[in-house]
């Protein structure tokens, strides 16, 4: 969790809720590029939760915002948005590796 900061505004999470959010954010952190730093802010206004999550890494920035009446729903939306962005990044990296491998093979470097 050294590269992750969780903030709470408008409410104090129970130990269970804090642990749940830390677990979900840790999973996302492990999917992020090496050396990434994550900042997640969870806000509660009356009956609505809002989450803003930013992941900064040498490979780029990943960002998601979601809101809803249930924290689990908001966390699911954030997870979906960020996973989609990171999947695109991974596919792009995989394509670059395939092109490099083809070039190496073509020029007899392999």
C-alpha atoms as a PDB file:
ATOM      1  CA  UNK A   1       0.000   0.000   0.000  1.00  0.00           C
ATOM      2  CA  UNK A   2       3.005   2.311  -0.074  1.00  0.00           C
ATOM      3  CA  UNK A   3       2.077   3.433  -3.610  1.00  0.00           C
ATOM      4  CA  UNK A   4      -1.602   3.821  -2.791  1.00  0.00           C
ATOM      5  CA  UNK A   5      -3.462   6.579  -0.986  1.00  0.00           C
ATOM      6  CA  UNK A   6      -7.087   6.183   0.073  1.00  0.00           C
ATOM      7  CA  UNK A   7      -9.063   9.241   1.166  1.00  0.00           C
ATOM      8  CA  UNK A   8     -12.554   9.445   2.621  1.00  0.00           C
ATOM      9  CA  UNK A   9     -14.707  12.559   2.624  1.00  0.00           C
ATOM     10  CA  UNK A  10     -18.117  12.944   4.225  1.00  0.00           C
ATOM     11  CA  UNK A  11     -17.948   9.640   6.122  1.00  0.00           C
ATOM     12  CA  UNK A  12     -15.722   7.473   8.274  1.00  0.00           C
ATOM     13  CA  UNK A  13     -15.606   3.917   6.890  1.00  0.00           C
ATOM     14  CA  UNK A  14     -15.967   0.974   9.229  1.00  0.00           C
ATOM     15  CA  UNK A  15     -12.995  -1.384   9.472  1.00  0.00           C
ATOM     16  CA  UNK A  16     -14.868  -3.809   7.208  1.00  0.00           C
ATOM     17  CA  UNK A  17     -15.544  -1.118   4.572  1.00  0.00           C
ATOM     18  CA  UNK A  18     -11.988   0.193   4.709  1.00  0.00           C
ATOM     19  CA  UNK A  19     -10.624  -3.337   4.327  1.00  0.00           C
ATOM     20  CA  UNK A  20     -12.997  -4.046   1.419  1.00  0.00           C
ATOM     21  CA  UNK A  21     -11.928  -0.879  -0.419  1.00  0.00           C
ATOM     22  CA  UNK A  22      -8.254  -1.491   0.279  1.00  0.00           C
ATOM     23  CA  UNK A  23      -8.573  -5.013  -1.131  1.00  0.00           C
ATOM     24  CA  UNK A  24     -10.345  -3.808  -4.285  1.00  0.00           C
ATOM     25  CA  UNK A  25      -7.854  -0.995  -4.858  1.00  0.00           C
ATOM     26  CA  UNK A  26      -4.897  -3.323  -4.209  1.00  0.00           C
ATOM     27  CA  UNK A  27      -6.164  -5.662  -6.930  1.00  0.00           C
ATOM     28  CA  UNK A  28      -6.281  -2.728  -9.355  1.00  0.00           C
ATOM     29  CA  UNK A  29      -2.849  -1.588  -8.210  1.00  0.00           C
ATOM     30  CA  UNK A  30      -1.426  -5.025  -9.077  1.00  0.00           C
ATOM     31  CA  UNK A  31      -2.907  -4.759 -12.578  1.00  0.00           C
ATOM     32  CA  UNK A  32      -1.338  -1.339 -13.120  1.00  0.00           C
ATOM     33  CA  UNK A  33       2.041  -0.799 -14.774  1.00  0.00           C
ATOM     34  CA  UNK A  34       5.118  -1.298 -12.607  1.00  0.00           C
ATOM     35  CA  UNK A  35       5.886   1.700 -10.410  1.00  0.00           C
ATOM     36  CA  UNK A  36       2.348   3.065 -10.522  1.00  0.00           C
ATOM     37  CA  UNK A  37       0.977   5.301  -7.779  1.00  0.00           C
ATOM     38  CA  UNK A  38      -2.747   5.196  -7.036  1.00  0.00           C
ATOM     39  CA  UNK A  39      -4.891   7.808  -5.333  1.00  0.00           C
ATOM     40  CA  UNK A  40      -8.520   6.995  -4.571  1.00  0.00           C
ATOM     41  CA  UNK A  41     -11.016   9.385  -3.000  1.00  0.00           C
ATOM     42  CA  UNK A  42     -14.384   8.131  -1.790  1.00  0.00           C
ATOM     43  CA  UNK A  43     -16.953  10.788  -0.966  1.00  0.00           C
ATOM     44  CA  UNK A  44     -20.412  10.523   0.543  1.00  0.00           C
ATOM     45  CA  UNK A  45     -23.067  13.204   0.100  1.00  0.00           C
ATOM     46  CA  UNK A  46     -26.356  12.311   1.790  1.00  0.00           C
ATOM     47  CA  UNK A  47     -27.247   8.997   0.071  1.00  0.00           C
ATOM     48  CA  UNK A  48     -24.778   9.101  -2.793  1.00  0.00           C
ATOM     49  CA  UNK A  49     -21.230   7.766  -2.945  1.00  0.00           C
ATOM     50  CA  UNK A  50     -18.690   9.029  -5.451  1.00  0.00           C
ATOM     51  CA  UNK A  51     -15.255   7.656  -6.191  1.00  0.00           C
ATOM     52  CA  UNK A  52     -12.413   9.260  -8.095  1.00  0.00           C
ATOM     53  CA  UNK A  53      -9.402   7.049  -8.769  1.00  0.00           C
ATOM     54  CA  UNK A  54      -6.217   8.136 -10.490  1.00  0.00           C
ATOM     55  CA  UNK A  55      -3.307   5.857 -11.318  1.00  0.00           C
ATOM     56  CA  UNK A  56      -0.103   7.579 -12.391  1.00  0.00           C
ATOM     57  CA  UNK A  57       2.602   5.420 -13.897  1.00  0.00           C
ATOM     58  CA  UNK A  58       5.597   5.630 -16.211  1.00  0.00           C
ATOM     59  CA  UNK A  59       3.313   4.125 -18.885  1.00  0.00           C
ATOM     60  CA  UNK A  60       0.669   6.838 -18.522  1.00  0.00           C
ATOM     61  CA  UNK A  61      -2.326   7.956 -16.534  1.00  0.00           C
ATOM     62  CA  UNK A  62      -5.448   5.930 -15.811  1.00  0.00           C
ATOM     63  CA  UNK A  63      -8.501   7.722 -14.423  1.00  0.00           C
ATOM     64  CA  UNK A  64     -12.046   6.788 -13.407  1.00  0.00           C
ATOM     65  CA  UNK A  65     -15.032   8.463 -11.770  1.00  0.00           C
ATOM     66  CA  UNK A  66     -18.211   6.743 -10.641  1.00  0.00           C
ATOM     67  CA  UNK A  67     -21.153   7.420  -8.368  1.00  0.00           C
ATOM     68  CA  UNK A  68     -24.126   5.532  -6.991  1.00  0.00           C
ATOM     69  CA  UNK A  69     -26.160   4.836  -3.904  1.00  0.00           C
ATOM     70  CA  UNK A  70     -24.153   1.771  -2.874  1.00  0.00           C
ATOM     71  CA  UNK A  71     -20.419   1.734  -2.305  1.00  0.00           C
ATOM     72  CA  UNK A  72     -20.121  -1.768  -3.775  1.00  0.00           C
ATOM     73  CA  UNK A  73     -21.791  -0.543  -7.001  1.00  0.00           C
ATOM     74  CA  UNK A  74     -19.425   2.444  -7.202  1.00  0.00           C
ATOM     75  CA  UNK A  75     -16.404   0.220  -6.614  1.00  0.00           C
ATOM     76  CA  UNK A  76     -17.575  -2.158  -9.344  1.00  0.00           C
ATOM     77  CA  UNK A  77     -17.936   0.747 -11.813  1.00  0.00           C
ATOM     78  CA  UNK A  78     -14.469   2.064 -10.957  1.00  0.00           C
ATOM     79  CA  UNK A  79     -12.978  -1.402 -11.307  1.00  0.00           C
ATOM     80  CA  UNK A  80     -14.656  -1.891 -14.703  1.00  0.00           C
ATOM     81  CA  UNK A  81     -13.496   1.477 -16.051  1.00  0.00           C
ATOM     82  CA  UNK A  82      -9.899   1.086 -14.933  1.00  0.00           C
ATOM     83  CA  UNK A  83      -9.681  -2.563 -15.975  1.00  0.00           C
ATOM     84  CA  UNK A  84     -10.853  -1.578 -19.460  1.00  0.00           C
ATOM     85  CA  UNK A  85      -8.176   1.135 -19.686  1.00  0.00           C
ATOM     86  CA  UNK A  86      -5.440  -1.173 -18.437  1.00  0.00           C
ATOM     87  CA  UNK A  87      -6.527  -3.947 -20.815  1.00  0.00           C
ATOM     88  CA  UNK A  88      -6.116  -1.480 -23.706  1.00  0.00           C
ATOM     89  CA  UNK A  89      -2.665  -0.534 -22.411  1.00  0.00           C
ATOM     90  CA  UNK A  90      -1.678  -4.210 -22.095  1.00  0.00           C
ATOM     91  CA  UNK A  91      -2.899  -4.963 -25.623  1.00  0.00           C
ATOM     92  CA  UNK A  92      -0.919  -2.007 -26.963  1.00  0.00           C
ATOM     93  CA  UNK A  93       2.205  -3.238 -25.172  1.00  0.00           C
ATOM     94  CA  UNK A  94       1.622  -6.769 -26.464  1.00  0.00           C
ATOM     95  CA  UNK A  95       1.315  -5.444 -30.038  1.00  0.00           C
ATOM     96  CA  UNK A  96       4.594  -3.555 -29.673  1.00  0.00           C
ATOM     97  CA  UNK A  97       6.300  -6.728 -28.433  1.00  0.00           C
ATOM     98  CA  UNK A  98       4.940  -8.731 -31.388  1.00  0.00           C
ATOM     99  CA  UNK A  99       6.191  -6.101 -33.848  1.00  0.00           C
ATOM    100  CA  UNK A 100       9.613  -6.062 -32.178  1.00  0.00           C
ATOM    101  CA  UNK A 101       9.755  -9.871 -32.302  1.00  0.00           C
ATOM    102  CA  UNK A 102       8.824  -9.859 -36.008  1.00  0.00           C
ATOM    103  CA  UNK A 103      11.481  -7.236 -36.741  1.00  0.00           C
ATOM    104  CA  UNK A 104      14.091  -9.241 -34.820  1.00  0.00           C
ATOM    105  CA  UNK A 105      13.114 -12.378 -36.722  1.00  0.00           C
ATOM    106  CA  UNK A 106      13.125 -10.564 -40.077  1.00  0.00           C
ATOM    107  CA  UNK A 107      16.566  -9.062 -39.504  1.00  0.00           C
ATOM    108  CA  UNK A 108      17.975 -12.283 -38.065  1.00  0.00           C
ATOM    109  CA  UNK A 109      18.520 -10.871 -34.584  1.00  0.00           C
ATOM    110  CA  UNK A 110      16.571 -13.560 -32.729  1.00  0.00           C
END
